[in-house]
N, C-alpha and C. Protein backbone atom coordinates (compact mmCIF):
# COMPACT_ATOMS: atom_id res chain seq x y z
N UNK A 1 -84.24 58.96 57.83
CA UNK A 1 -82.83 59.25 57.61
C UNK A 1 -82.29 58.38 56.47
N UNK A 2 -82.70 57.11 56.45
CA UNK A 2 -82.21 56.20 55.42
C UNK A 2 -82.69 56.63 54.03
N UNK A 3 -83.95 57.04 53.95
CA UNK A 3 -84.48 57.50 52.67
C UNK A 3 -83.76 58.76 52.20
N UNK A 4 -83.43 59.61 53.14
CA UNK A 4 -82.72 60.83 52.80
C UNK A 4 -81.34 60.51 52.24
N UNK A 5 -80.61 59.59 52.89
CA UNK A 5 -79.29 59.21 52.40
C UNK A 5 -79.37 58.51 51.04
N UNK A 6 -80.40 57.68 50.86
CA UNK A 6 -80.58 57.03 49.57
C UNK A 6 -80.84 58.07 48.48
N UNK A 7 -81.70 59.03 48.79
CA UNK A 7 -81.97 60.09 47.81
C UNK A 7 -80.73 60.93 47.55
N UNK A 8 -79.93 61.13 48.59
CA UNK A 8 -78.70 61.91 48.45
C UNK A 8 -77.72 61.22 47.49
N UNK A 9 -77.78 59.92 47.39
CA UNK A 9 -76.89 59.17 46.49
C UNK A 9 -77.54 58.96 45.13
N UNK A 10 -78.82 58.58 45.11
CA UNK A 10 -79.49 58.21 43.86
C UNK A 10 -79.72 59.41 42.95
N UNK A 11 -80.12 60.53 43.50
CA UNK A 11 -80.41 61.71 42.66
C UNK A 11 -79.17 62.21 41.93
N UNK A 12 -78.02 62.39 42.59
CA UNK A 12 -76.82 62.80 41.82
C UNK A 12 -76.39 61.75 40.80
N UNK A 13 -76.49 60.47 41.14
CA UNK A 13 -76.13 59.44 40.16
C UNK A 13 -77.05 59.49 38.95
N UNK A 14 -78.33 59.71 39.18
CA UNK A 14 -79.28 59.84 38.07
C UNK A 14 -78.96 61.03 37.18
N UNK A 15 -78.60 62.14 37.81
CA UNK A 15 -78.23 63.32 37.03
C UNK A 15 -76.96 63.09 36.22
N UNK A 16 -75.98 62.43 36.81
CA UNK A 16 -74.74 62.12 36.09
C UNK A 16 -75.04 61.18 34.92
N UNK A 17 -75.87 60.17 35.16
CA UNK A 17 -76.22 59.22 34.11
C UNK A 17 -76.97 59.92 32.97
N UNK A 18 -77.91 60.80 33.30
CA UNK A 18 -78.66 61.54 32.26
C UNK A 18 -77.72 62.44 31.46
N UNK A 19 -76.79 63.12 32.14
CA UNK A 19 -75.83 63.97 31.44
C UNK A 19 -74.94 63.14 30.53
N UNK A 20 -74.51 61.98 31.02
CA UNK A 20 -73.69 61.07 30.21
C UNK A 20 -74.45 60.60 28.97
N UNK A 21 -75.73 60.27 29.15
CA UNK A 21 -76.54 59.79 28.03
C UNK A 21 -76.72 60.88 26.97
N UNK A 22 -76.93 62.11 27.39
CA UNK A 22 -77.11 63.21 26.44
C UNK A 22 -75.80 63.50 25.70
N UNK A 23 -74.68 63.40 26.39
CA UNK A 23 -73.39 63.72 25.78
C UNK A 23 -72.91 62.63 24.83
N UNK A 24 -73.38 61.39 24.99
CA UNK A 24 -72.91 60.26 24.17
C UNK A 24 -74.07 59.61 23.43
N UNK A 25 -74.77 60.39 22.62
CA UNK A 25 -75.94 59.90 21.89
C UNK A 25 -75.60 59.24 20.57
N UNK A 26 -74.40 59.41 20.06
CA UNK A 26 -74.12 58.89 18.72
C UNK A 26 -74.10 57.36 18.74
N UNK A 27 -74.42 56.79 17.57
CA UNK A 27 -74.56 55.34 17.46
C UNK A 27 -73.22 54.70 17.13
N UNK A 28 -73.01 53.51 17.68
CA UNK A 28 -71.82 52.72 17.39
C UNK A 28 -72.29 51.31 17.02
N UNK A 29 -71.47 50.63 16.25
CA UNK A 29 -71.78 49.25 15.88
C UNK A 29 -70.88 48.32 16.67
N UNK A 30 -71.50 47.41 17.35
CA UNK A 30 -70.78 46.43 18.16
C UNK A 30 -70.82 45.11 17.39
N UNK A 31 -69.65 44.53 17.15
CA UNK A 31 -69.57 43.29 16.39
C UNK A 31 -69.13 42.15 17.31
N UNK A 32 -69.81 41.03 17.19
CA UNK A 32 -69.47 39.83 17.95
C UNK A 32 -68.89 38.74 17.05
N UNK A 33 -68.52 39.13 15.84
CA UNK A 33 -67.96 38.18 14.88
C UNK A 33 -66.49 38.53 14.64
N UNK A 34 -65.55 37.78 15.21
CA UNK A 34 -64.13 38.13 15.08
C UNK A 34 -63.55 37.78 13.71
N UNK A 35 -64.26 37.02 12.86
CA UNK A 35 -63.68 36.56 11.60
C UNK A 35 -64.06 37.42 10.41
N UNK A 36 -65.20 38.08 10.45
CA UNK A 36 -65.66 38.88 9.32
C UNK A 36 -65.70 40.36 9.73
N UNK A 37 -64.63 41.09 9.45
CA UNK A 37 -64.58 42.49 9.84
C UNK A 37 -65.49 43.37 8.99
N UNK A 38 -65.52 43.13 7.70
CA UNK A 38 -66.26 44.00 6.78
C UNK A 38 -67.77 43.81 6.90
N UNK A 39 -68.22 42.57 6.97
CA UNK A 39 -69.65 42.29 7.04
C UNK A 39 -69.91 41.28 8.16
N UNK A 40 -69.89 41.72 9.40
CA UNK A 40 -70.06 40.78 10.51
C UNK A 40 -71.48 40.23 10.56
N UNK A 41 -71.59 38.95 10.84
CA UNK A 41 -72.91 38.32 10.94
C UNK A 41 -73.58 38.70 12.26
N UNK A 42 -72.80 38.81 13.30
CA UNK A 42 -73.35 39.16 14.61
C UNK A 42 -72.92 40.58 14.97
N UNK A 43 -73.76 41.53 14.64
CA UNK A 43 -73.45 42.91 14.98
C UNK A 43 -74.72 43.61 15.44
N UNK A 44 -74.54 44.66 16.18
CA UNK A 44 -75.67 45.41 16.71
C UNK A 44 -75.29 46.88 16.73
N UNK A 45 -76.18 47.73 16.28
CA UNK A 45 -75.96 49.17 16.31
C UNK A 45 -76.83 49.75 17.42
N UNK A 46 -76.17 50.50 18.31
CA UNK A 46 -76.88 51.09 19.46
C UNK A 46 -76.17 52.35 19.90
N UNK A 47 -76.85 53.19 20.69
CA UNK A 47 -76.19 54.39 21.20
C UNK A 47 -75.05 54.01 22.14
N UNK A 48 -74.02 54.82 22.16
CA UNK A 48 -72.84 54.54 22.98
C UNK A 48 -73.18 54.48 24.46
N UNK A 49 -74.03 55.41 24.93
CA UNK A 49 -74.35 55.40 26.36
C UNK A 49 -75.07 54.12 26.76
N UNK A 50 -75.93 53.59 25.87
CA UNK A 50 -76.63 52.35 26.17
C UNK A 50 -75.65 51.18 26.24
N UNK A 51 -74.71 51.16 25.33
CA UNK A 51 -73.68 50.12 25.35
C UNK A 51 -72.89 50.15 26.66
N UNK A 52 -72.46 51.33 27.07
CA UNK A 52 -71.66 51.43 28.30
C UNK A 52 -72.48 51.09 29.54
N UNK A 53 -73.75 51.49 29.58
CA UNK A 53 -74.60 51.16 30.72
C UNK A 53 -74.84 49.65 30.77
N UNK A 54 -75.08 49.03 29.62
CA UNK A 54 -75.28 47.58 29.59
C UNK A 54 -74.03 46.82 30.03
N UNK A 55 -72.87 47.29 29.59
CA UNK A 55 -71.62 46.64 29.99
C UNK A 55 -71.40 46.79 31.51
N UNK A 56 -71.70 47.97 32.04
CA UNK A 56 -71.55 48.18 33.48
C UNK A 56 -72.53 47.30 34.27
N UNK A 57 -73.76 47.19 33.79
CA UNK A 57 -74.75 46.34 34.46
C UNK A 57 -74.33 44.87 34.41
N UNK A 58 -73.80 44.46 33.26
CA UNK A 58 -73.31 43.09 33.13
C UNK A 58 -72.14 42.84 34.09
N UNK A 59 -71.28 43.82 34.26
CA UNK A 59 -70.18 43.70 35.21
C UNK A 59 -70.65 43.59 36.65
N UNK A 60 -71.69 44.35 36.99
CA UNK A 60 -72.24 44.27 38.34
C UNK A 60 -72.85 42.90 38.59
N UNK A 61 -73.60 42.39 37.61
CA UNK A 61 -74.21 41.06 37.76
C UNK A 61 -73.13 39.98 37.85
N UNK A 62 -72.11 40.06 37.01
CA UNK A 62 -71.03 39.07 37.05
C UNK A 62 -70.27 39.13 38.38
N UNK A 63 -69.97 40.33 38.86
CA UNK A 63 -69.27 40.47 40.14
C UNK A 63 -70.12 39.98 41.30
N UNK A 64 -71.40 40.30 41.30
CA UNK A 64 -72.30 39.82 42.35
C UNK A 64 -72.41 38.31 42.36
N UNK A 65 -72.49 37.72 41.17
CA UNK A 65 -72.56 36.25 41.07
C UNK A 65 -71.27 35.61 41.58
N UNK A 66 -70.14 36.19 41.23
CA UNK A 66 -68.86 35.65 41.68
C UNK A 66 -68.76 35.70 43.21
N UNK A 67 -69.17 36.80 43.80
CA UNK A 67 -69.12 36.93 45.26
C UNK A 67 -70.10 35.95 45.90
N UNK A 68 -71.29 35.82 45.32
CA UNK A 68 -72.30 34.91 45.87
C UNK A 68 -71.78 33.47 45.86
N UNK A 69 -71.16 33.06 44.75
CA UNK A 69 -70.62 31.70 44.69
C UNK A 69 -69.42 31.54 45.62
N UNK A 70 -68.62 32.59 45.80
CA UNK A 70 -67.46 32.50 46.69
C UNK A 70 -67.89 32.38 48.15
N UNK A 71 -69.03 32.94 48.51
CA UNK A 71 -69.49 32.89 49.89
C UNK A 71 -70.37 31.68 50.17
N UNK A 72 -70.44 30.76 49.24
CA UNK A 72 -71.27 29.58 49.39
C UNK A 72 -70.93 28.81 50.65
N UNK A 73 -69.65 28.63 50.94
CA UNK A 73 -69.27 27.81 52.10
C UNK A 73 -69.67 28.49 53.40
N UNK A 74 -69.65 29.83 53.44
CA UNK A 74 -70.05 30.53 54.67
C UNK A 74 -71.55 30.43 54.89
N UNK A 75 -72.33 30.49 53.83
CA UNK A 75 -73.78 30.33 53.97
C UNK A 75 -74.12 28.92 54.43
N UNK A 76 -73.42 27.93 53.89
CA UNK A 76 -73.64 26.54 54.30
C UNK A 76 -73.29 26.37 55.78
N UNK A 77 -72.18 26.93 56.22
CA UNK A 77 -71.78 26.83 57.63
C UNK A 77 -72.81 27.54 58.52
N UNK A 78 -73.33 28.66 58.09
CA UNK A 78 -74.33 29.38 58.88
C UNK A 78 -75.60 28.56 59.00
N UNK A 79 -76.02 27.89 57.93
CA UNK A 79 -77.21 27.03 57.99
C UNK A 79 -76.99 25.88 58.97
N UNK A 80 -75.81 25.26 58.89
CA UNK A 80 -75.50 24.15 59.82
C UNK A 80 -75.49 24.64 61.27
N UNK A 81 -74.84 25.76 61.51
CA UNK A 81 -74.78 26.29 62.88
C UNK A 81 -76.16 26.65 63.40
N UNK A 82 -77.00 27.19 62.54
CA UNK A 82 -78.37 27.53 62.95
C UNK A 82 -79.15 26.26 63.30
N UNK A 83 -78.98 25.21 62.51
CA UNK A 83 -79.66 23.94 62.81
C UNK A 83 -79.15 23.36 64.12
N UNK A 84 -77.84 23.41 64.35
CA UNK A 84 -77.27 22.92 65.61
C UNK A 84 -77.81 23.73 66.79
N UNK A 85 -77.84 25.04 66.65
CA UNK A 85 -78.34 25.89 67.73
C UNK A 85 -79.80 25.60 68.02
N UNK A 86 -80.60 25.38 66.97
CA UNK A 86 -82.01 25.04 67.16
C UNK A 86 -82.16 23.73 67.92
N UNK A 87 -81.33 22.73 67.57
CA UNK A 87 -81.38 21.43 68.25
C UNK A 87 -80.95 21.58 69.71
N UNK A 88 -79.92 22.35 69.96
CA UNK A 88 -79.43 22.54 71.34
C UNK A 88 -80.47 23.28 72.17
N UNK A 89 -81.15 24.27 71.57
CA UNK A 89 -82.21 24.98 72.31
C UNK A 89 -83.33 24.02 72.70
N UNK A 90 -83.68 23.11 71.79
CA UNK A 90 -84.71 22.11 72.10
C UNK A 90 -84.27 21.18 73.23
N UNK A 91 -83.01 20.71 73.18
CA UNK A 91 -82.50 19.87 74.26
C UNK A 91 -82.48 20.60 75.58
N UNK A 92 -82.09 21.88 75.57
CA UNK A 92 -82.05 22.68 76.78
C UNK A 92 -83.45 22.83 77.38
N UNK A 93 -84.44 23.06 76.54
CA UNK A 93 -85.81 23.18 77.03
C UNK A 93 -86.27 21.86 77.66
N UNK A 94 -85.93 20.72 77.03
CA UNK A 94 -86.29 19.41 77.59
C UNK A 94 -85.61 19.19 78.93
N UNK A 95 -84.31 19.52 79.02
CA UNK A 95 -83.59 19.34 80.28
C UNK A 95 -84.15 20.24 81.38
N UNK A 96 -84.49 21.47 81.04
CA UNK A 96 -85.08 22.35 82.05
C UNK A 96 -86.42 21.81 82.54
N UNK A 97 -87.20 21.25 81.62
CA UNK A 97 -88.47 20.66 82.02
C UNK A 97 -88.25 19.45 82.93
N UNK A 98 -87.26 18.63 82.63
CA UNK A 98 -86.96 17.47 83.47
C UNK A 98 -86.50 17.91 84.86
N UNK A 99 -85.64 18.91 84.92
CA UNK A 99 -85.14 19.40 86.21
C UNK A 99 -86.29 20.00 87.02
N UNK A 100 -87.16 20.75 86.37
CA UNK A 100 -88.29 21.35 87.08
C UNK A 100 -89.23 20.28 87.61
N UNK A 101 -89.42 19.20 86.86
CA UNK A 101 -90.30 18.12 87.32
C UNK A 101 -89.65 17.33 88.45
N UNK A 102 -88.34 17.17 88.45
CA UNK A 102 -87.65 16.38 89.46
C UNK A 102 -87.40 17.15 90.75
N UNK A 103 -87.40 18.46 90.69
CA UNK A 103 -87.13 19.29 91.87
C UNK A 103 -88.34 19.25 92.81
N UNK A 104 -88.11 18.96 94.10
CA UNK A 104 -89.24 18.97 95.04
C UNK A 104 -89.75 20.39 95.24
N UNK A 105 -91.03 20.49 95.51
CA UNK A 105 -91.64 21.79 95.72
C UNK A 105 -91.12 22.37 97.02
N UNK A 106 -90.66 23.59 96.98
CA UNK A 106 -90.13 24.25 98.18
C UNK A 106 -91.28 24.53 99.15
N UNK A 107 -91.02 24.25 100.42
CA UNK A 107 -92.04 24.52 101.42
C UNK A 107 -92.00 25.98 101.81
N UNK A 108 -93.15 26.56 101.87
CA UNK A 108 -93.25 27.95 102.25
C UNK A 108 -93.94 28.03 103.61
N UNK A 109 -93.36 28.80 104.49
CA UNK A 109 -93.97 28.99 105.79
C UNK A 109 -95.08 30.02 105.66
N UNK A 110 -96.16 29.80 106.33
CA UNK A 110 -97.25 30.78 106.24
C UNK A 110 -96.84 32.09 106.91
N UNK A 111 -97.22 33.19 106.31
CA UNK A 111 -96.94 34.51 106.84
C UNK A 111 -98.13 34.91 107.72
N UNK A 112 -97.85 35.28 108.97
CA UNK A 112 -98.97 35.70 109.82
C UNK A 112 -99.67 36.93 109.22
N UNK A 113 -100.97 36.95 109.33
CA UNK A 113 -101.71 38.07 108.75
C UNK A 113 -101.41 39.35 109.52
N UNK A 114 -101.35 40.43 108.81
CA UNK A 114 -101.08 41.72 109.41
C UNK A 114 -99.60 42.01 109.58
N UNK A 115 -98.74 41.05 109.19
CA UNK A 115 -97.30 41.25 109.33
C UNK A 115 -96.68 41.16 107.95
N UNK A 116 -95.93 42.16 107.56
CA UNK A 116 -95.28 42.17 106.27
C UNK A 116 -93.86 41.68 106.38
N UNK A 117 -93.04 41.97 105.40
CA UNK A 117 -91.66 41.53 105.36
C UNK A 117 -90.84 42.12 106.49
N UNK A 118 -91.09 43.37 106.87
CA UNK A 118 -90.31 44.05 107.90
C UNK A 118 -91.11 44.27 109.18
N UNK A 119 -92.12 43.54 109.39
CA UNK A 119 -92.91 43.72 110.60
C UNK A 119 -94.34 44.06 110.23
N UNK A 120 -95.00 44.82 111.05
CA UNK A 120 -96.39 45.16 110.76
C UNK A 120 -96.52 45.85 109.41
N UNK A 121 -97.62 45.55 108.73
CA UNK A 121 -97.84 46.11 107.39
C UNK A 121 -97.91 47.63 107.48
N UNK A 122 -97.21 48.28 106.56
CA UNK A 122 -97.23 49.73 106.51
C UNK A 122 -96.09 50.37 107.29
N UNK A 123 -95.16 49.57 107.85
CA UNK A 123 -94.05 50.12 108.62
C UNK A 123 -92.76 49.46 108.17
N UNK A 124 -91.64 50.18 108.23
CA UNK A 124 -90.36 49.62 107.86
C UNK A 124 -89.66 49.08 109.09
N UNK A 125 -88.36 48.78 109.04
CA UNK A 125 -87.60 48.18 110.15
C UNK A 125 -87.62 49.05 111.40
N UNK A 126 -87.56 50.33 111.20
CA UNK A 126 -87.55 51.24 112.34
C UNK A 126 -88.96 51.59 112.79
N UNK A 127 -89.93 50.89 112.28
CA UNK A 127 -91.36 51.04 112.60
C UNK A 127 -91.90 52.38 112.16
N UNK A 128 -91.26 52.98 111.15
CA UNK A 128 -91.78 54.24 110.60
C UNK A 128 -92.86 53.90 109.59
N UNK A 129 -93.87 54.77 109.52
CA UNK A 129 -94.96 54.54 108.60
C UNK A 129 -94.47 54.75 107.16
N UNK A 130 -94.86 53.85 106.27
CA UNK A 130 -94.44 53.94 104.87
C UNK A 130 -95.31 54.87 104.09
C-alpha cells in the first residue's frame, strides 16, 4: 500500500517536472556580481528549468536544515529522557532481584495423588466426567 501511494505521488510529480523542463528549455544567464552589469565576473548560463529546480532544491535543503537546528533542544531532551529511562529500568531490575532473593519460599502443600483441583481427576465439582 505504501509503495502504491508513493508511486501515486512520485509519478505525477515526475510528469509535471518533465513537462516543465520541456516547456522552459531556453537558456538564461545568472549573474552573481552586483557591481558589473555589462560584464559580470561571476555568471553562469544554464537552462531556466535547471535554475528553478536547483533553487527549489536549495530551498528544501535550507528549510530542512533550519527545522533540524530548531528541533535540537527536543532531540537533546529525548536523549536525556531515554538515558534516564534506561537507568531506571536497570534500578528496577536490581530491586526486583533483591525482593525476589529476600522473599521466603512459599510452602506448598502436597497434593494427594489421584485428586485434582476439584476432586478426583477427570471430574468437576458436581463429579461429572470432564
